[in-house]
Amino acid sequence: MNNSEEPGLNPTPILPSKESMESFLLKLTPFQRMIYFPNLPPLRQSLPSSSSPPPPQPYQLPPPPSPYQQPPPTPPRQPPLLPPLSHQPPPPPPHQPPSPPPPPPPNQPRRARRGQRKEGVIFPIPFIWATDRRATVHSLSHLLHNRIFNIFGDVECKGCKKKFQMNFNLREKFSEIRIYIAENKDTMRDRAPPCWNNPTLPTCVHCNQEKSVIPVIAEKRKNINWLFLFLGQMIGCCTLKQLRYFCKYTNNHLTGAKNRLVYLTYLALYQQLDA
């Protein structure tokens, strides 16, 4: 034990070697370092090595969605990209003539109601002495001017059943009817006489049977040969439907007995020829 050392004091610690200086300093407390090594700066804590992995972080659950959470804001709409405007204006379109207006639709004839008179309806002419109006014939002057002197029609014999044609002289037969109307019109009283209502039929030229030839009247009422029946004084052979058809298109009454319809038919045809 050295004599220079005072009793009761701790001996100065022996410094470690240079190699273990760092480990030695780490073992000392901060107070001991301040006492024994006052000139040394405070020991810096060694940072963990970069190679060591970071400590694991505790897993945190995402917060539950709030029912009143606002939707994320929508980004502002971008205006559509327009092509750059050229400084030069576009060329004007070529001059075109205005298109013509569309043609008007064709006028379709309205369908006449049942029982309505079809006045002025044009239909194909069944005979050269008839007009394009139903139940209408040309005037006597018109027929004579066009050299139509004889009127023919189809007849049939009730005895021998033969069909043939008969013709009547237009001027002679019309003169007979004109004289008869002028003499008996006042006594007719708008009724057909017996010779018109029940006509006397002609004799057959084949079997010579008297009062056996009847006119062949067309099934279609628009094709009835009215002038032939008028000149032969055989209008009384027509049925009530046929007589009403004629009166319908000549603006006459459709009602009445047969003798009245026969009288109106004779008078209308006489006025048409005498026009």
Foldseek 3Di string as FASTA:
>chain_A
DDPVDDPPDDDQDDQDDPVCNVVVVVPDDPVVCCVNPVPDDDDDDDDDDPVDDDDDDDDDDDDDDDPPDDDDDDDDDDDDDDDDDDPDDDDDDDDDDDDDDDDDDDDDDDDDDPPDFPEPDADDDLDPQAHRAFLAGAAQVVCVVVVNFKDKAWKAFQPPRDIDMDIDGPVVLLVVVVVVCVVCVVVCPLFADPCLLPNFAAADPPPRHGSGIAGDADPPLSNGPLVVCLSVSNPNVDDLVSLLVSCSHLVHDSDDDPRNSSSVSNVSRSVNHND
